[in-house]
Amino acid sequence: MSDSVKQIVESILAINKEMDVMTSYNKLISEGIESASSVSEQTAASVQEIASSIDEHIKAIADVANPAETLTELNRDLISLMHKYTL
């Protein structure tokens, strides 16, 4: 019977070692997932900042384009008027 008890104890110790190894792997996997999640969050924040910057640039271009179009129309009108007074 003592051999049976020894075998059971050895089996339990082996299982404990395997569980320790599995716990270590689980910890490594969890750290990897946390790291990937952090990178993903940082990337999302960067993309959001880039999108906001692009929106600002588009608005600035539109702010410049509208007066430029008005000036172009005024220039055409002025040229048209000048042609009427050509000698």
Protein backbone atom coordinates (compact mmCIF):
# COMPACT_ATOMS: atom_id res chain seq x y z
CA MET A 1 0.00 0.00 0.00
CA SER A 2 2.82 2.41 0.66
CA ASP A 3 3.92 2.06 -2.98
CA SER A 4 0.43 3.09 -4.04
CA VAL A 5 0.57 6.11 -1.76
CA LYS A 6 4.01 7.04 -3.12
CA GLN A 7 2.71 6.79 -6.68
CA ILE A 8 -0.28 8.97 -5.81
CA VAL A 9 1.98 11.55 -4.13
CA GLU A 10 4.33 11.54 -7.13
CA SER A 11 1.38 11.92 -9.48
CA ILE A 12 0.03 14.83 -7.45
CA LEU A 13 3.46 16.49 -7.43
CA ALA A 14 3.74 16.01 -11.21
CA ILE A 15 0.28 17.50 -11.66
CA ASN A 16 1.25 20.45 -9.45
CA LYS A 17 4.37 21.06 -11.56
CA GLU A 18 2.30 20.93 -14.76
CA MET A 19 -0.23 23.32 -13.24
CA ASP A 20 2.61 25.71 -12.34
CA VAL A 21 3.83 25.56 -15.94
CA MET A 22 0.30 26.14 -17.23
CA THR A 23 -0.10 29.07 -14.83
CA SER A 24 3.15 30.57 -16.14
CA TYR A 25 1.96 30.19 -19.73
CA ASN A 26 -1.40 31.66 -18.79
CA LYS A 27 0.35 34.66 -17.24
CA LEU A 28 2.50 35.15 -20.36
CA ILE A 29 -0.54 34.92 -22.60
CA SER A 30 -2.44 37.42 -20.43
CA GLU A 31 0.48 39.85 -20.53
CA GLY A 32 0.67 39.46 -24.31
CA ILE A 33 -3.04 40.16 -24.66
CA GLU A 34 -2.77 43.22 -22.39
CA SER A 35 0.17 44.47 -24.44
CA ALA A 36 -1.70 43.95 -27.71
CA SER A 37 -4.74 45.68 -26.24
CA SER A 38 -2.62 48.64 -25.20
CA VAL A 39 -1.09 48.93 -28.66
CA SER A 40 -4.55 48.67 -30.19
CA GLU A 41 -5.84 51.48 -27.96
CA GLN A 42 -2.85 53.67 -28.82
CA THR A 43 -3.35 52.98 -32.52
CA ALA A 44 -7.04 53.83 -32.28
CA ALA A 45 -6.20 57.09 -30.50
CA SER A 46 -3.63 57.95 -33.18
CA VAL A 47 -6.10 57.20 -35.96
CA GLN A 48 -8.65 59.42 -34.25
CA GLU A 49 -6.13 62.26 -34.01
CA ILE A 50 -5.19 61.84 -37.68
CA ALA A 51 -8.86 61.89 -38.71
CA SER A 52 -9.42 65.04 -36.69
CA SER A 53 -6.37 66.66 -38.29
CA ILE A 54 -7.60 65.71 -41.75
CA ASP A 55 -11.00 67.25 -40.98
CA GLU A 56 -9.28 70.46 -39.88
CA HIS A 57 -7.21 70.52 -43.10
CA ILE A 58 -10.30 69.97 -45.23
CA LYS A 59 -12.06 72.84 -43.46
CA ALA A 60 -9.03 75.10 -43.90
CA ILE A 61 -8.85 74.27 -47.62
CA ALA A 62 -12.56 74.98 -47.99
CA ASP A 63 -12.10 78.27 -46.14
CA VAL A 64 -9.45 79.27 -48.68
CA ALA A 65 -11.25 77.83 -51.71
CA ASN A 66 -14.50 79.73 -51.19
CA PRO A 67 -12.93 83.22 -51.26
CA ALA A 68 -10.72 82.12 -54.17
CA GLU A 69 -13.81 81.17 -56.15
CA THR A 70 -15.39 84.52 -55.32
CA LEU A 71 -12.25 86.34 -56.45
CA THR A 72 -12.22 84.33 -59.68
CA GLU A 73 -15.82 85.34 -60.39
CA LEU A 74 -15.05 88.99 -59.60
CA ASN A 75 -12.01 88.83 -61.89
CA ARG A 76 -14.16 87.46 -64.75
CA ASP A 77 -16.69 90.25 -64.20
CA LEU A 78 -13.92 92.86 -64.20
CA ILE A 79 -12.42 91.46 -67.41
CA SER A 80 -15.85 91.46 -69.00
CA LEU A 81 -16.36 95.09 -68.01
CA MET A 82 -12.91 96.04 -69.28
CA HIS A 83 -13.65 94.50 -72.68
CA LYS A 84 -16.65 96.80 -72.98
CA TYR A 85 -14.38 99.83 -72.64
CA THR A 86 -11.68 98.66 -75.02
CA LEU A 87 -10.64 101.38 -77.47
